[in-house]
């Protein structure tokens, strides 16, 4: 299903920016107005409520709004490769969580938000990275990755724990807490 945006409304959270910026695609091409860059944009359908004598139902309209839902304290889980594995993981003094994943893997997409939450939750205590097994096959082979997603925890350059599959956040939290 494709959605055509008829207009774009950006609602910044910062008080130093205007309260809302709206433009139509036609006027945006002609003007030199530059909008602030926001990460974490999501398309959310506009909903309306219709009341009748005996029922109330929600109706989703075909047009949508783009809303910025990025947190002010966003933490990006950095990608890691074969080239920087040694310096970022094996030589690190702090505990490291690495998610081995691939773009075509459905369960990997399910666990990505959990890894992002854990990175925010353990900021300053644990570093989180994501390694694409298609782009960095030698590291995945060295650690015997046969199924993805696989999450490994390293401490002082040594592999301490491995969790295989799309597991609940509580499972990963339990594993992390053992090494903090």
N, C-alpha and C. Protein backbone atom coordinates (compact mmCIF):
# COMPACT_ATOMS: atom_id res chain seq x y z
N UNK A 1 0.85 -1.17 0.00
CA UNK A 1 0.00 0.00 0.00
C UNK A 1 0.89 1.23 0.00
N UNK A 2 0.67 2.15 -0.92
CA UNK A 2 1.47 3.37 -1.00
C UNK A 2 0.66 4.53 -0.47
N UNK A 3 1.33 5.45 0.18
CA UNK A 3 0.69 6.64 0.71
C UNK A 3 1.31 7.85 0.05
N UNK A 4 0.50 8.73 -0.46
CA UNK A 4 0.97 9.95 -1.07
C UNK A 4 0.85 11.07 -0.05
N UNK A 5 1.94 11.75 0.19
CA UNK A 5 1.91 12.87 1.13
C UNK A 5 1.42 14.11 0.41
N UNK A 6 0.40 14.72 0.93
CA UNK A 6 -0.12 15.94 0.33
C UNK A 6 0.55 17.17 0.90
N UNK A 7 1.01 17.07 2.14
CA UNK A 7 1.74 18.16 2.76
C UNK A 7 2.64 17.58 3.82
N UNK A 8 3.56 18.39 4.28
CA UNK A 8 4.49 17.95 5.30
C UNK A 8 4.43 18.91 6.46
N UNK A 9 4.19 18.40 7.65
CA UNK A 9 4.17 19.23 8.85
C UNK A 9 5.25 18.72 9.79
N UNK A 10 6.20 19.57 10.10
CA UNK A 10 7.28 19.21 11.00
C UNK A 10 7.07 19.97 12.29
N UNK A 11 6.97 19.24 13.38
CA UNK A 11 6.74 19.85 14.69
C UNK A 11 7.98 19.65 15.53
N UNK A 12 8.86 20.66 15.61
CA UNK A 12 10.08 20.50 16.40
C UNK A 12 9.81 20.53 17.89
N UNK A 13 10.67 19.86 18.65
CA UNK A 13 10.54 19.87 20.10
C UNK A 13 11.32 21.01 20.72
N UNK A 14 12.21 21.61 19.99
CA UNK A 14 13.03 22.69 20.52
C UNK A 14 12.26 24.00 20.50
N UNK A 15 12.39 24.79 21.56
CA UNK A 15 11.68 26.06 21.61
C UNK A 15 12.34 27.12 20.76
N UNK A 16 13.59 26.90 20.29
CA UNK A 16 14.28 27.89 19.49
C UNK A 16 13.83 27.88 18.03
N UNK A 17 13.10 26.84 17.63
CA UNK A 17 12.62 26.75 16.26
C UNK A 17 11.15 27.16 16.19
N UNK A 18 10.67 27.51 15.02
CA UNK A 18 9.25 27.86 14.91
C UNK A 18 8.37 26.69 15.34
N UNK A 19 7.16 26.97 15.79
CA UNK A 19 6.29 25.93 16.34
C UNK A 19 5.87 24.91 15.30
N UNK A 20 5.73 25.27 14.06
CA UNK A 20 5.39 24.30 13.01
C UNK A 20 5.77 24.89 11.66
N UNK A 21 6.21 24.05 10.75
CA UNK A 21 6.56 24.47 9.41
C UNK A 21 5.74 23.62 8.47
N UNK A 22 4.98 24.22 7.59
CA UNK A 22 4.18 23.47 6.64
C UNK A 22 4.47 24.00 5.24
N UNK A 23 4.43 23.13 4.26
CA UNK A 23 4.59 23.55 2.88
C UNK A 23 3.94 22.52 1.99
N UNK A 24 3.60 22.95 0.80
CA UNK A 24 3.08 22.00 -0.18
C UNK A 24 4.24 21.61 -1.09
N UNK A 25 4.20 20.44 -1.70
CA UNK A 25 5.30 20.00 -2.54
C UNK A 25 5.56 20.95 -3.72
N UNK A 26 4.52 21.60 -4.22
CA UNK A 26 4.69 22.49 -5.36
C UNK A 26 5.48 23.73 -4.95
N UNK A 27 5.11 24.36 -3.84
CA UNK A 27 5.82 25.56 -3.42
C UNK A 27 7.20 25.24 -2.87
N UNK A 28 7.41 24.04 -2.38
CA UNK A 28 8.71 23.68 -1.82
C UNK A 28 9.77 23.62 -2.91
N UNK A 29 9.38 23.23 -4.12
CA UNK A 29 10.34 23.16 -5.21
C UNK A 29 10.76 24.55 -5.65
N UNK A 30 9.90 25.53 -5.54
CA UNK A 30 10.19 26.87 -6.02
C UNK A 30 10.93 27.72 -4.99
N UNK A 31 10.75 27.44 -3.72
CA UNK A 31 11.37 28.29 -2.72
C UNK A 31 12.69 27.71 -2.28
N UNK A 32 13.49 28.52 -1.64
CA UNK A 32 14.79 28.07 -1.15
C UNK A 32 14.75 27.87 0.36
N UNK A 33 13.57 27.59 0.90
CA UNK A 33 13.41 27.38 2.34
C UNK A 33 14.04 26.04 2.70
N UNK A 34 14.90 26.06 3.72
CA UNK A 34 15.50 24.81 4.19
C UNK A 34 14.93 24.49 5.55
N UNK A 35 14.41 23.28 5.65
CA UNK A 35 13.85 22.82 6.92
C UNK A 35 14.94 22.18 7.75
N UNK A 36 14.82 22.25 9.07
CA UNK A 36 15.79 21.56 9.92
C UNK A 36 15.72 20.06 9.69
N UNK A 37 16.87 19.38 9.81
CA UNK A 37 16.92 17.94 9.61
C UNK A 37 16.47 17.22 10.88
N UNK A 38 15.56 16.26 10.75
CA UNK A 38 15.09 15.46 11.87
C UNK A 38 15.25 14.00 11.52
N UNK A 39 15.77 13.24 12.45
CA UNK A 39 15.85 11.79 12.28
C UNK A 39 14.67 11.18 13.03
N UNK A 40 14.27 10.00 12.65
CA UNK A 40 13.20 9.32 13.37
C UNK A 40 11.82 9.77 12.95
N UNK A 41 11.63 10.07 11.67
CA UNK A 41 10.31 10.48 11.20
C UNK A 41 9.47 9.24 10.92
N UNK A 42 8.20 9.32 11.29
CA UNK A 42 7.28 8.21 11.06
C UNK A 42 6.02 8.75 10.41
N UNK A 43 5.43 7.94 9.56
CA UNK A 43 4.17 8.29 8.95
C UNK A 43 3.05 7.79 9.84
N UNK A 44 2.21 8.67 10.29
CA UNK A 44 1.11 8.29 11.16
C UNK A 44 -0.20 8.72 10.47
N UNK A 45 -1.16 7.81 10.31
CA UNK A 45 -2.41 8.19 9.65
C UNK A 45 -3.23 9.16 10.51
N UNK A 46 -3.93 10.04 9.83
CA UNK A 46 -4.83 10.95 10.51
C UNK A 46 -6.10 10.17 10.83
N UNK A 47 -6.59 10.28 12.04
CA UNK A 47 -7.81 9.55 12.40
C UNK A 47 -8.93 10.53 12.71
N UNK A 48 -10.10 10.11 12.44
CA UNK A 48 -11.28 10.91 12.76
C UNK A 48 -12.27 10.01 13.49
N UNK A 49 -13.09 10.60 14.30
CA UNK A 49 -14.08 9.82 15.03
C UNK A 49 -15.46 10.16 14.49
N UNK A 50 -16.22 9.14 14.17
CA UNK A 50 -17.57 9.35 13.68
C UNK A 50 -18.53 8.78 14.72
N UNK A 51 -19.47 9.60 15.18
CA UNK A 51 -20.43 9.15 16.18
C UNK A 51 -21.79 8.98 15.53
N UNK A 52 -22.42 7.91 15.85
CA UNK A 52 -23.80 7.70 15.43
C UNK A 52 -24.62 7.50 16.70
N UNK A 53 -25.89 7.25 16.54
CA UNK A 53 -26.78 7.12 17.70
C UNK A 53 -26.32 6.01 18.64
N UNK A 54 -25.88 4.88 18.09
CA UNK A 54 -25.57 3.76 18.97
C UNK A 54 -24.12 3.28 18.91
N UNK A 55 -23.26 3.90 18.07
CA UNK A 55 -21.89 3.41 18.01
C UNK A 55 -20.92 4.54 17.73
N UNK A 56 -19.66 4.27 18.03
CA UNK A 56 -18.56 5.18 17.71
C UNK A 56 -17.48 4.36 17.04
N UNK A 57 -16.98 4.83 15.91
CA UNK A 57 -15.92 4.09 15.22
C UNK A 57 -14.82 5.04 14.79
N UNK A 58 -13.62 4.50 14.68
CA UNK A 58 -12.49 5.30 14.22
C UNK A 58 -12.31 5.07 12.73
N UNK A 59 -12.09 6.12 12.01
CA UNK A 59 -11.89 6.04 10.57
C UNK A 59 -10.49 6.56 10.26
N UNK A 60 -9.72 5.80 9.51
CA UNK A 60 -8.40 6.24 9.11
C UNK A 60 -8.50 6.83 7.72
N UNK A 61 -8.10 8.08 7.58
CA UNK A 61 -8.17 8.73 6.27
C UNK A 61 -6.97 8.34 5.44
N UNK A 62 -7.03 8.58 4.14
CA UNK A 62 -5.96 8.17 3.23
C UNK A 62 -4.75 9.07 3.33
N UNK A 63 -4.92 10.31 3.69
CA UNK A 63 -3.74 11.17 3.81
C UNK A 63 -3.11 10.95 5.17
N UNK A 64 -1.88 11.39 5.33
CA UNK A 64 -1.20 11.16 6.59
C UNK A 64 -0.41 12.37 7.04
N UNK A 65 0.12 12.30 8.23
CA UNK A 65 1.00 13.32 8.77
C UNK A 65 2.34 12.69 9.08
N UNK A 66 3.39 13.45 8.90
CA UNK A 66 4.70 12.99 9.29
C UNK A 66 5.03 13.67 10.60
N UNK A 67 5.28 12.88 11.62
CA UNK A 67 5.56 13.40 12.94
C UNK A 67 6.97 13.00 13.35
N UNK A 68 7.68 13.91 13.98
CA UNK A 68 9.01 13.60 14.50
C UNK A 68 8.84 13.01 15.88
N UNK A 69 9.27 11.77 16.06
CA UNK A 69 9.18 11.12 17.35
C UNK A 69 10.56 10.84 17.91
N UNK A 70 11.58 11.54 17.41
CA UNK A 70 12.94 11.33 17.90
C UNK A 70 13.07 11.90 19.30
N UNK A 71 13.75 11.18 20.14
CA UNK A 71 13.99 11.65 21.50
C UNK A 71 15.13 12.66 21.48
N UNK A 72 15.12 13.56 22.44
CA UNK A 72 16.19 14.54 22.55
C UNK A 72 17.50 13.86 22.90
N UNK A 73 17.44 12.73 23.54
CA UNK A 73 18.64 11.99 23.93
C UNK A 73 18.75 10.71 23.12
N UNK A 74 18.65 10.82 21.81
CA UNK A 74 18.70 9.64 20.94
C UNK A 74 20.10 9.04 20.98
N UNK A 75 20.16 7.74 21.07
CA UNK A 75 21.42 7.00 21.07
C UNK A 75 21.37 6.09 19.85
N UNK A 76 22.31 6.29 18.94
CA UNK A 76 22.37 5.43 17.76
C UNK A 76 23.29 4.26 18.06
N UNK A 77 22.85 3.07 17.71
CA UNK A 77 23.70 1.89 17.85
C UNK A 77 24.56 1.85 16.59
N UNK A 78 25.85 2.03 16.79
CA UNK A 78 26.78 2.17 15.67
C UNK A 78 27.01 0.83 14.99
N UNK A 79 27.19 0.88 13.66
CA UNK A 79 27.56 -0.35 12.96
C UNK A 79 29.04 -0.63 13.20
N UNK A 80 29.39 -1.89 13.16
CA UNK A 80 30.77 -2.31 13.35
C UNK A 80 31.12 -3.25 12.20
N UNK A 81 32.38 -3.29 11.80
CA UNK A 81 32.81 -4.09 10.66
C UNK A 81 34.03 -4.93 11.05
N UNK A 82 34.47 -5.76 10.10
CA UNK A 82 35.69 -6.54 10.31
C UNK A 82 36.88 -5.61 10.57
N UNK A 83 36.89 -4.47 9.89
CA UNK A 83 38.03 -3.54 9.98
C UNK A 83 38.19 -2.92 11.37
N UNK A 84 37.07 -2.57 12.02
CA UNK A 84 37.19 -1.90 13.33
C UNK A 84 36.83 -2.81 14.51
N UNK A 85 36.66 -4.10 14.28
CA UNK A 85 36.30 -5.05 15.33
C UNK A 85 37.35 -5.08 16.45
N UNK A 86 38.60 -5.17 16.07
CA UNK A 86 39.69 -5.27 17.04
C UNK A 86 39.69 -4.06 17.98
N UNK A 87 39.64 -2.86 17.42
CA UNK A 87 39.76 -1.66 18.25
C UNK A 87 38.50 -1.37 19.07
N UNK A 88 37.32 -1.65 18.51
CA UNK A 88 36.09 -1.31 19.22
C UNK A 88 35.61 -2.38 20.20
N UNK A 89 35.89 -3.63 19.92
CA UNK A 89 35.36 -4.70 20.77
C UNK A 89 36.46 -5.34 21.61
N UNK A 90 37.48 -5.86 20.96
CA UNK A 90 38.49 -6.64 21.68
C UNK A 90 39.39 -5.78 22.58
N UNK A 91 39.62 -4.53 22.22
CA UNK A 91 40.48 -3.66 23.02
C UNK A 91 39.70 -2.76 23.97
N UNK A 92 38.39 -2.91 24.04
CA UNK A 92 37.56 -2.08 24.89
C UNK A 92 37.66 -2.51 26.35
N UNK A 93 37.67 -1.53 27.24
CA UNK A 93 37.71 -1.81 28.68
C UNK A 93 36.29 -1.99 29.24
N UNK A 94 35.30 -1.44 28.56
CA UNK A 94 33.92 -1.55 29.05
C UNK A 94 33.23 -2.75 28.39
N UNK A 95 32.16 -3.24 29.00
CA UNK A 95 31.40 -4.35 28.39
C UNK A 95 30.79 -3.92 27.04
N UNK A 96 30.73 -4.84 26.12
CA UNK A 96 30.25 -4.59 24.76
C UNK A 96 29.15 -5.58 24.43
N UNK A 97 28.06 -5.09 23.83
CA UNK A 97 27.00 -5.94 23.30
C UNK A 97 27.04 -5.80 21.78
N UNK A 98 27.12 -6.91 21.08
CA UNK A 98 27.15 -6.91 19.61
C UNK A 98 25.99 -7.74 19.10
N UNK A 99 25.21 -7.13 18.22
CA UNK A 99 24.13 -7.86 17.54
C UNK A 99 24.61 -8.24 16.15
N UNK A 100 24.65 -9.52 15.85
CA UNK A 100 24.97 -10.01 14.51
C UNK A 100 23.65 -10.12 13.75
N UNK A 101 23.55 -9.45 12.61
CA UNK A 101 22.28 -9.37 11.89
C UNK A 101 22.53 -9.31 10.38
N UNK A 102 21.44 -9.33 9.62
CA UNK A 102 21.48 -9.13 8.17
C UNK A 102 20.21 -8.39 7.75
N UNK A 103 20.28 -7.58 6.71
CA UNK A 103 19.10 -6.79 6.31
C UNK A 103 17.90 -7.61 5.86
N UNK A 104 18.11 -8.81 5.37
CA UNK A 104 17.00 -9.65 4.89
C UNK A 104 16.34 -10.45 6.00
N UNK A 105 16.86 -10.37 7.22
CA UNK A 105 16.41 -11.21 8.34
C UNK A 105 15.23 -10.55 9.07
N UNK A 106 14.08 -11.17 9.04
CA UNK A 106 12.88 -10.66 9.72
C UNK A 106 13.03 -10.58 11.23
N UNK A 107 13.48 -11.65 11.89
CA UNK A 107 13.67 -11.58 13.35
C UNK A 107 14.69 -10.51 13.76
N UNK A 108 15.66 -10.24 12.89
CA UNK A 108 16.64 -9.18 13.19
C UNK A 108 15.93 -7.83 13.28
N UNK A 109 15.00 -7.59 12.39
CA UNK A 109 14.25 -6.32 12.41
C UNK A 109 13.38 -6.24 13.66
N UNK A 110 12.96 -7.39 14.18
CA UNK A 110 12.15 -7.39 15.40
C UNK A 110 13.00 -7.03 16.63
N UNK A 111 14.25 -7.42 16.63
CA UNK A 111 15.09 -7.21 17.81
C UNK A 111 15.83 -5.86 17.77
N UNK A 112 15.90 -5.22 16.59
CA UNK A 112 16.58 -3.91 16.48
C UNK A 112 16.06 -2.89 17.50
N UNK A 113 14.75 -2.70 17.64
CA UNK A 113 14.27 -1.71 18.62
C UNK A 113 14.65 -2.07 20.05
N UNK A 114 14.74 -3.35 20.36
CA UNK A 114 15.13 -3.78 21.70
C UNK A 114 16.59 -3.41 21.96
N UNK A 115 17.44 -3.63 20.98
CA UNK A 115 18.86 -3.27 21.11
C UNK A 115 18.99 -1.75 21.28
N UNK A 116 18.18 -0.99 20.53
CA UNK A 116 18.20 0.47 20.67
C UNK A 116 17.79 0.89 22.08
N UNK A 117 16.77 0.25 22.63
CA UNK A 117 16.32 0.56 24.01
C UNK A 117 17.41 0.22 25.02
N UNK A 118 18.07 -0.92 24.83
CA UNK A 118 19.13 -1.32 25.75
C UNK A 118 20.31 -0.34 25.69
N UNK A 119 20.62 0.16 24.50
CA UNK A 119 21.70 1.14 24.36
C UNK A 119 21.38 2.40 25.16
N UNK A 120 20.13 2.82 25.13
CA UNK A 120 19.71 4.00 25.91
C UNK A 120 19.70 3.69 27.40
N UNK A 121 19.22 2.51 27.76
CA UNK A 121 19.09 2.13 29.16
C UNK A 121 20.45 1.99 29.85
N UNK A 122 21.43 1.47 29.14
CA UNK A 122 22.74 1.21 29.75
C UNK A 122 23.82 2.19 29.26
N UNK A 123 23.42 3.38 28.88
CA UNK A 123 24.39 4.38 28.40
C UNK A 123 25.42 4.66 29.51
N UNK A 124 26.67 4.64 29.13
CA UNK A 124 27.75 4.84 30.09
C UNK A 124 28.21 3.56 30.77
N UNK A 125 27.42 2.49 30.71
CA UNK A 125 27.78 1.22 31.35
C UNK A 125 28.12 0.14 30.33
N UNK A 126 27.50 0.24 29.14
CA UNK A 126 27.60 -0.80 28.12
C UNK A 126 27.59 -0.12 26.75
N UNK A 127 28.47 -0.56 25.86
CA UNK A 127 28.46 -0.07 24.48
C UNK A 127 27.78 -1.10 23.61
N UNK A 128 26.93 -0.64 22.71
CA UNK A 128 26.20 -1.55 21.82
C UNK A 128 26.59 -1.30 20.37
N UNK A 129 26.79 -2.38 19.63
CA UNK A 129 27.12 -2.30 18.21
C UNK A 129 26.29 -3.32 17.44
N UNK A 130 26.16 -3.09 16.11
CA UNK A 130 25.48 -4.02 15.22
C UNK A 130 26.44 -4.40 14.10
N UNK A 131 26.62 -5.69 13.88
CA UNK A 131 27.50 -6.17 12.83
C UNK A 131 26.68 -6.87 11.75
N UNK A 132 26.73 -6.35 10.54
CA UNK A 132 26.02 -6.93 9.40
C UNK A 132 26.84 -8.12 8.91
N UNK A 133 26.30 -9.32 9.06
CA UNK A 133 27.04 -10.54 8.71
C UNK A 133 27.28 -10.67 7.20
N UNK A 134 26.47 -10.02 6.38
CA UNK A 134 26.70 -10.04 4.93
C UNK A 134 27.91 -9.18 4.56
N UNK A 135 28.12 -8.08 5.27
CA UNK A 135 29.22 -7.17 4.97
C UNK A 135 30.51 -7.54 5.71
N UNK A 136 30.41 -8.25 6.81
CA UNK A 136 31.58 -8.63 7.61
C UNK A 136 31.55 -10.13 7.93
N UNK A 137 31.70 -10.96 6.90
CA UNK A 137 31.56 -12.41 7.12
C UNK A 137 32.70 -13.04 7.92
N UNK A 138 33.91 -12.46 7.89
CA UNK A 138 35.02 -13.13 8.58
C UNK A 138 34.85 -13.08 10.10
N UNK A 139 34.35 -11.97 10.64
CA UNK A 139 34.11 -11.89 12.08
C UNK A 139 33.00 -12.84 12.48
N UNK A 140 31.93 -12.89 11.68
CA UNK A 140 30.82 -13.81 11.97
C UNK A 140 31.30 -15.26 11.93
N UNK A 141 32.17 -15.60 11.00
CA UNK A 141 32.71 -16.96 10.91
C UNK A 141 33.61 -17.26 12.10
N UNK A 142 34.44 -16.30 12.49
CA UNK A 142 35.37 -16.49 13.61
C UNK A 142 34.62 -16.84 14.90
N UNK A 143 33.42 -16.25 15.09
CA UNK A 143 32.65 -16.51 16.31
C UNK A 143 31.57 -17.56 16.11
N UNK A 144 31.57 -18.25 14.98
CA UNK A 144 30.66 -19.38 14.76
C UNK A 144 29.20 -18.98 14.65
N UNK A 145 28.93 -17.84 14.04
CA UNK A 145 27.54 -17.39 13.88
C UNK A 145 26.88 -18.24 12.80
N UNK A 146 25.92 -19.04 13.20
CA UNK A 146 25.20 -19.90 12.26
C UNK A 146 23.73 -19.50 12.16
N UNK A 147 23.27 -18.69 13.08
CA UNK A 147 21.88 -18.25 13.09
C UNK A 147 21.85 -16.78 13.51
N UNK A 148 21.01 -16.03 12.85
CA UNK A 148 20.87 -14.62 13.22
C UNK A 148 19.40 -14.35 13.53
N UNK A 149 19.10 -13.43 14.40
CA UNK A 149 20.03 -12.59 15.13
C UNK A 149 20.73 -13.36 16.25
N UNK A 150 22.00 -13.02 16.45
CA UNK A 150 22.76 -13.52 17.58
C UNK A 150 23.32 -12.32 18.31
N UNK A 151 23.14 -12.27 19.61
CA UNK A 151 23.66 -11.19 20.44
C UNK A 151 24.75 -11.77 21.32
N UNK A 152 25.93 -11.14 21.26
CA UNK A 152 27.05 -11.58 22.09
C UNK A 152 27.48 -10.45 23.01
N UNK A 153 27.89 -10.83 24.20
CA UNK A 153 28.40 -9.87 25.18
C UNK A 153 29.88 -10.15 25.39
N UNK A 154 30.67 -9.10 25.26
CA UNK A 154 32.12 -9.19 25.43
C UNK A 154 32.53 -8.34 26.63
N UNK A 155 33.53 -8.81 27.35
CA UNK A 155 34.10 -8.02 28.45
C UNK A 155 35.60 -8.30 28.47
N UNK A 156 36.38 -7.23 28.50
CA UNK A 156 37.84 -7.33 28.47
C UNK A 156 38.33 -8.14 27.27
N UNK A 157 37.67 -7.98 26.13
CA UNK A 157 38.09 -8.65 24.90
C UNK A 157 37.70 -10.10 24.78
N UNK A 158 36.98 -10.63 25.75
CA UNK A 158 36.57 -12.03 25.71
C UNK A 158 35.06 -12.15 25.56
N UNK A 159 34.65 -13.16 24.79
CA UNK A 159 33.22 -13.45 24.66
C UNK A 159 32.73 -14.05 25.97
N UNK A 160 31.70 -13.44 26.56
CA UNK A 160 31.19 -13.90 27.86
C UNK A 160 29.86 -14.63 27.74
N UNK A 161 28.98 -14.18 26.83
CA UNK A 161 27.65 -14.79 26.73
C UNK A 161 27.12 -14.64 25.32
N UNK A 162 26.24 -15.55 24.93
CA UNK A 162 25.62 -15.53 23.61
C UNK A 162 24.13 -15.80 23.76
N UNK A 163 23.32 -14.99 23.07
CA UNK A 163 21.87 -15.20 23.04
C UNK A 163 21.48 -15.29 21.56
N UNK A 164 20.84 -16.38 21.18
CA UNK A 164 20.48 -16.61 19.78
C UNK A 164 18.98 -16.44 19.60
N UNK A 165 18.60 -15.72 18.54
CA UNK A 165 17.20 -15.57 18.18
C UNK A 165 16.60 -14.27 18.68
N UNK A 166 15.40 -13.98 18.22
CA UNK A 166 14.66 -12.79 18.63
C UNK A 166 14.02 -13.09 19.98
N UNK A 167 14.67 -12.63 21.02
CA UNK A 167 14.24 -12.92 22.39
C UNK A 167 13.65 -11.66 23.02
N UNK A 168 12.90 -11.80 24.11
CA UNK A 168 12.36 -10.62 24.78
C UNK A 168 13.47 -9.79 25.43
N UNK A 169 13.16 -8.54 25.68
CA UNK A 169 14.11 -7.62 26.30
C UNK A 169 14.59 -8.15 27.65
N UNK A 170 13.70 -8.77 28.40
CA UNK A 170 14.06 -9.29 29.73
C UNK A 170 15.17 -10.33 29.66
N UNK A 171 15.19 -11.15 28.62
CA UNK A 171 16.24 -12.15 28.45
C UNK A 171 17.59 -11.49 28.25
N UNK A 172 17.61 -10.46 27.40
CA UNK A 172 18.86 -9.74 27.16
C UNK A 172 19.31 -8.97 28.39
N UNK A 173 18.36 -8.37 29.10
CA UNK A 173 18.69 -7.61 30.31
C UNK A 173 19.32 -8.53 31.36
N UNK A 174 18.78 -9.71 31.54
CA UNK A 174 19.32 -10.69 32.49
C UNK A 174 20.77 -11.05 32.12
N UNK A 175 21.00 -11.25 30.85
CA UNK A 175 22.34 -11.59 30.38
C UNK A 175 23.32 -10.44 30.58
N UNK A 176 22.89 -9.23 30.32
CA UNK A 176 23.74 -8.04 30.48
C UNK A 176 24.09 -7.81 31.95
N UNK A 177 23.11 -7.94 32.82
CA UNK A 177 23.31 -7.65 34.25
C UNK A 177 24.38 -8.54 34.87
N UNK A 178 24.61 -9.74 34.33
CA UNK A 178 25.61 -10.63 34.86
C UNK A 178 27.03 -10.08 34.72
N UNK A 179 27.23 -9.17 33.75
CA UNK A 179 28.58 -8.72 33.42
C UNK A 179 28.82 -7.24 33.68
N UNK A 180 27.90 -6.57 34.31
CA UNK A 180 28.11 -5.15 34.63
C UNK A 180 28.72 -4.97 36.00
